[in-house]
Protein backbone atom coordinates (compact mmCIF):
# COMPACT_ATOMS: atom_id res chain seq x y z
CA MET A 1 126.06 70.90 143.75
CA LYS A 2 123.51 68.56 142.15
CA LYS A 3 124.68 69.43 138.65
CA LEU A 4 128.35 68.96 139.55
CA LEU A 5 127.75 65.53 141.10
CA LEU A 6 125.72 64.34 138.10
CA THR A 7 128.29 65.59 135.59
CA ALA A 8 131.16 64.01 137.51
CA ALA A 9 129.36 60.70 137.91
CA ILE A 10 128.71 60.21 134.21
CA THR A 11 132.17 61.42 133.21
CA LEU A 12 133.81 58.94 135.60
CA ALA A 13 131.52 56.20 134.31
CA MET A 14 133.58 55.99 131.09
CA PRO A 15 136.02 53.27 132.17
CA PHE A 16 139.17 51.94 130.58
CA ALA A 17 138.52 48.46 129.21
CA ALA A 18 140.74 45.58 128.17
CA HIS A 19 141.04 45.02 124.43
CA ALA A 20 140.29 46.92 121.22
CA GLY A 21 138.52 45.81 118.09
CA SER A 22 136.45 48.31 116.08
CA ASP A 23 136.89 50.56 113.06
CA PHE A 24 136.27 53.78 114.99
CA VAL A 25 139.87 54.79 114.34
CA GLU A 26 141.27 53.76 110.96
CA GLY A 27 143.77 50.91 110.67
CA ASP A 28 145.50 49.65 113.82
CA ALA A 29 145.65 53.07 115.48
CA THR A 30 143.79 53.68 118.74
CA PHE A 31 143.91 57.47 118.60
CA ALA A 32 143.01 60.01 115.90
CA GLY A 33 141.94 63.63 115.66
CA GLU A 34 141.05 66.71 113.64
CA ALA A 35 142.18 70.30 114.13
CA GLU A 36 140.13 73.06 112.53
CA LEU A 37 140.98 76.76 112.19
CA GLY A 38 139.49 79.75 110.42
CA ALA A 39 140.12 83.48 110.79
CA THR A 40 139.29 86.80 109.12
CA LEU A 41 140.77 90.25 109.62
CA THR A 42 139.56 93.51 108.03
CA THR A 43 141.15 96.93 108.61
CA GLY A 44 140.55 100.40 107.20
CA ASN A 45 137.12 102.02 107.27
CA THR A 46 135.88 98.96 109.18
CA ASP A 47 137.92 96.99 111.68
CA THR A 48 136.62 93.45 112.11
CA SER A 49 138.18 90.18 113.16
CA SER A 50 136.97 86.66 113.82
CA LEU A 51 138.48 83.38 114.92
CA LYS A 52 136.98 79.89 114.81
CA ALA A 53 138.92 76.93 116.22
CA ARG A 54 138.00 73.32 116.94
CA LEU A 55 139.86 70.25 118.15
CA ALA A 56 138.20 66.82 118.00
CA LEU A 57 139.90 63.67 119.30
CA LYS A 58 138.83 60.03 119.03
CA GLN A 59 140.16 57.19 121.14
CA GLU A 60 139.67 53.42 121.30
CA LEU A 61 139.97 51.77 124.71
CA GLY A 62 138.73 48.22 124.65
CA ASN A 63 134.99 48.19 123.99
CA TRP A 64 134.89 51.95 124.54
CA GLU A 65 135.02 54.55 121.78
CA ASN A 66 135.66 57.97 123.35
CA GLN A 67 135.31 61.42 121.79
CA TYR A 68 136.65 64.74 123.08
CA VAL A 69 135.70 68.10 121.50
CA LEU A 70 136.96 71.60 122.23
CA GLU A 71 135.55 74.55 120.24
CA GLY A 72 135.96 78.30 120.33
CA LEU A 73 134.42 81.22 118.42
CA TYR A 74 135.33 84.90 118.81
CA LYS A 75 134.22 87.88 116.72
CA GLU A 76 134.96 91.57 117.10
CA ASP A 77 133.64 94.54 115.11
CA THR A 78 135.21 98.00 115.61
CA GLU A 79 136.57 96.98 119.02
CA GLU A 80 133.18 95.64 120.13
CA VAL A 81 132.85 91.91 120.80
CA THR A 82 129.90 90.60 118.77
CA ALA A 83 130.24 86.85 119.41
CA LYS A 84 132.04 84.71 121.96
CA ARG A 85 131.38 81.02 122.48
CA TYR A 86 133.41 78.21 124.04
CA PHE A 87 132.41 74.55 124.14
CA LEU A 88 133.90 71.45 125.78
CA GLY A 89 132.37 68.02 125.28
CA VAL A 90 133.23 64.43 126.23
CA GLN A 91 131.38 61.28 125.15
CA GLY A 92 132.05 57.60 125.75
CA ASP A 93 130.36 54.89 123.66
CA TYR A 94 130.35 51.30 124.97
CA GLN A 95 130.02 48.90 122.03
CA ILE A 96 127.39 46.19 122.57
CA ASN A 97 127.90 44.83 119.06
CA ASP A 98 128.67 46.18 115.57
CA ILE A 99 125.49 48.27 115.36
CA SER A 100 124.42 48.99 118.96
CA TYR A 101 126.09 50.91 121.77
CA LEU A 102 125.46 52.66 125.06
CA PHE A 103 126.62 56.26 125.42
CA ALA A 104 127.32 58.72 128.22
CA ASN A 105 128.31 62.35 127.66
CA THR A 106 128.77 65.69 129.35
CA ASN A 107 129.05 69.13 127.71
CA TYR A 108 129.95 72.57 129.00
CA GLU A 109 129.28 75.73 126.96
CA VAL A 110 129.93 79.41 127.60
CA ASP A 111 127.98 81.89 125.45
CA PRO A 112 127.38 85.23 127.22
CA PHE A 113 125.23 86.54 124.35
CA THR A 114 122.45 84.13 125.33
CA GLY A 115 122.10 85.70 128.79
CA TYR A 116 123.65 82.67 130.51
CA ASP A 117 127.08 82.47 132.12
CA PHE A 118 127.25 78.80 131.15
CA THR A 119 125.18 75.78 130.16
CA SER A 120 125.99 72.26 131.33
CA THR A 121 124.33 69.18 129.83
CA THR A 122 124.75 65.54 130.84
CA SER A 123 123.01 62.54 129.29
CA ALA A 124 123.21 58.78 128.77
CA GLY A 125 121.33 56.30 126.62
CA TYR A 126 121.30 53.96 123.63
CA GLY A 127 122.77 54.42 120.15
CA TYR A 128 122.10 52.51 116.92
CA ARG A 129 123.93 52.50 113.57
CA PHE A 130 121.35 52.19 110.78
CA ILE A 131 124.00 52.47 108.04
CA ASP A 132 127.72 51.86 108.53
CA THR A 133 129.62 51.42 105.26
CA GLU A 134 132.84 52.83 103.87
CA ARG A 135 130.97 55.55 101.97
CA MET A 136 127.96 56.27 104.17
CA SER A 137 126.88 56.21 107.80
CA LEU A 138 123.69 57.01 109.69
CA LYS A 139 123.32 56.70 113.45
CA ALA A 140 120.91 57.88 116.11
CA GLU A 141 121.10 58.25 119.89
CA ALA A 142 118.44 58.80 122.54
CA GLY A 143 118.25 58.82 126.31
CA PRO A 144 117.51 60.83 129.44
CA GLY A 145 119.61 63.82 130.43
CA TYR A 146 119.92 66.84 132.67
CA ILE A 147 120.56 70.47 131.70
CA TYR A 148 121.67 73.27 134.02
CA GLN A 149 121.98 76.93 132.98
CA GLN A 150 123.45 79.70 135.13
CA LEU A 151 122.14 83.19 134.30
CA ASP A 152 124.54 86.12 134.22
CA ASP A 153 124.18 88.74 136.96
CA GLU A 154 122.33 91.31 134.83
CA THR A 155 119.83 88.79 133.49
CA ALA A 156 119.33 87.18 136.90
CA LEU A 157 118.45 90.58 138.38
CA ALA A 158 115.96 91.27 135.58
CA GLU A 159 114.39 87.78 135.63
CA GLY A 160 114.26 87.38 139.41
CA TYR A 161 116.07 84.01 139.51
CA ASP A 162 119.66 82.92 138.88
CA SER A 163 119.47 79.47 137.26
CA ASP A 164 117.42 77.07 135.14
CA ASP A 165 117.55 73.29 135.31
CA SER A 166 115.50 70.51 133.78
CA VAL A 167 115.40 66.79 133.10
CA VAL A 168 115.45 66.37 129.31
CA VAL A 169 115.15 63.83 126.55
CA HIS A 170 118.44 63.90 124.62
CA ALA A 171 118.45 62.85 120.95
CA VAL A 172 121.02 62.89 118.13
CA VAL A 173 120.81 62.02 114.43
CA ASP A 174 124.11 61.99 112.52
CA PHE A 175 124.35 61.34 108.75
CA GLN A 176 127.61 61.31 106.75
CA THR A 177 128.35 60.37 103.17
CA LYS A 178 131.25 60.67 100.77
CA VAL A 179 130.75 62.92 97.76
CA GLY A 180 133.07 61.67 95.06
CA GLU A 181 136.47 60.46 96.22
CA SER A 182 137.70 63.55 98.03
CA SER A 183 134.67 65.20 99.69
CA LYS A 184 132.34 64.42 102.58
CA PHE A 185 128.87 65.74 103.45
CA GLN A 186 127.56 65.67 107.02
CA GLN A 187 124.21 66.57 108.58
CA LYS A 188 123.87 66.37 112.36
CA PHE A 189 120.91 67.21 114.60
CA VAL A 190 121.11 67.43 118.41
CA ALA A 191 118.07 68.10 120.61
CA ASP A 192 117.43 68.38 124.35
CA TRP A 193 113.72 68.52 125.11
CA GLY A 194 112.45 69.22 128.61
CA GLU A 195 110.70 72.33 129.86
CA LYS A 196 111.86 73.85 126.56
CA LEU A 197 113.56 72.66 123.39
CA ASP A 198 117.24 73.35 122.80
CA GLY A 199 118.31 72.20 119.34
CA ARG A 200 121.38 72.36 117.14
CA SER A 201 121.78 71.58 113.45
CA GLU A 202 125.15 71.41 111.68
CA THR A 203 125.40 71.02 107.91
CA SER A 204 128.92 70.73 106.52
CA LEU A 205 130.85 69.90 103.38
CA THR A 206 134.51 68.93 103.63
CA ALA A 207 136.76 68.80 100.56
CA ASN A 208 140.27 67.38 100.61
CA ILE A 209 143.01 69.75 99.39
CA ILE A 210 146.16 67.66 99.70
CA GLY A 211 147.17 64.85 102.03
CA ALA A 212 145.62 65.36 105.47
CA LEU A 213 144.62 68.97 104.75
CA ALA A 214 141.03 69.84 103.80
CA MET A 215 138.67 72.81 103.48
CA LYS A 216 135.42 72.73 105.45
CA PHE A 217 132.27 74.82 104.93
CA ALA A 218 129.67 74.61 107.69
CA VAL A 219 126.34 76.19 108.62
CA ILE A 220 125.32 75.81 112.27
CA VAL A 221 121.83 76.73 113.51
CA ARG A 222 121.02 76.84 117.24
CA TYR A 223 117.42 77.00 118.43
CA ASN A 224 115.90 77.76 121.85
CA SER A 225 112.11 77.52 122.05
CA ASP A 226 111.95 79.73 125.16
CA PRO A 227 114.73 82.35 125.06
CA LEU A 228 115.25 84.90 127.79
CA ASP A 229 113.65 88.35 127.38
CA ASP A 230 115.17 90.40 124.51
CA LYS A 231 117.04 87.33 123.19
CA LYS A 232 116.31 85.69 119.83
CA SER A 233 115.31 82.04 119.60
CA THR A 234 117.60 81.24 116.64
CA ASP A 235 121.32 81.80 116.10
CA THR A 236 123.04 81.04 112.79
CA GLU A 237 126.78 80.60 112.30
CA THR A 238 128.50 80.17 108.91
CA ASN A 239 132.16 79.11 108.79
CA MET A 240 134.88 78.39 106.24
CA THR A 241 137.86 76.69 107.88
CA LEU A 242 140.97 74.65 107.19
CA LEU A 243 140.90 71.17 108.67
CA TYR A 244 143.91 68.96 109.41
CA SER A 245 143.45 65.25 110.23
CA PHE A 246 145.97 63.24 112.22
């Protein structure tokens, strides 16, 4: 119950404000988004399939800049599921001025291959834009948070407990830069440090194909400093997807 109340409180703390005025969404629009999709299918001596999908939305509401992310990954090899991950995230940024903001976010992730039924993370804090130009941006965020992880039944029986929770320090570093006139490079680090360290690094290169359509190559590394028994501390994911901006 504690985790549900904390998650709900911070989510509801993202209010609707009165008037807009930032460059979070290009031009005069107050809403924008990206849809990403990649898939592979192999048949014959080896039957494999994989699907990667992501939807990211951005919204301006007065002094608030809100972000919504929905991701899914599914892989199957000879009728055996080898990867399955779903992620839902919401973040609201309240703009103090052009370079400073306060943030509040909540994330929910399902990844049964980690030994957990789900992981829920909620945090709030301060963000600062070190660089914010047309070609390059660098921002960082830091603040307190709370993480709750529910073990699956098999793991809970083996470990002797059914959940983990911890107060954490949440930190993000996000760097983006244009490469030429039609490509963009991004490096993002996310860390939650409490009783253990949960980290995520995403390195990506996006190249425009035509109009709003682009190709994206990304390498995602997830790290857990204290994994459950028989689980590895590092997961790596490499994707090639089509990306459509709207």
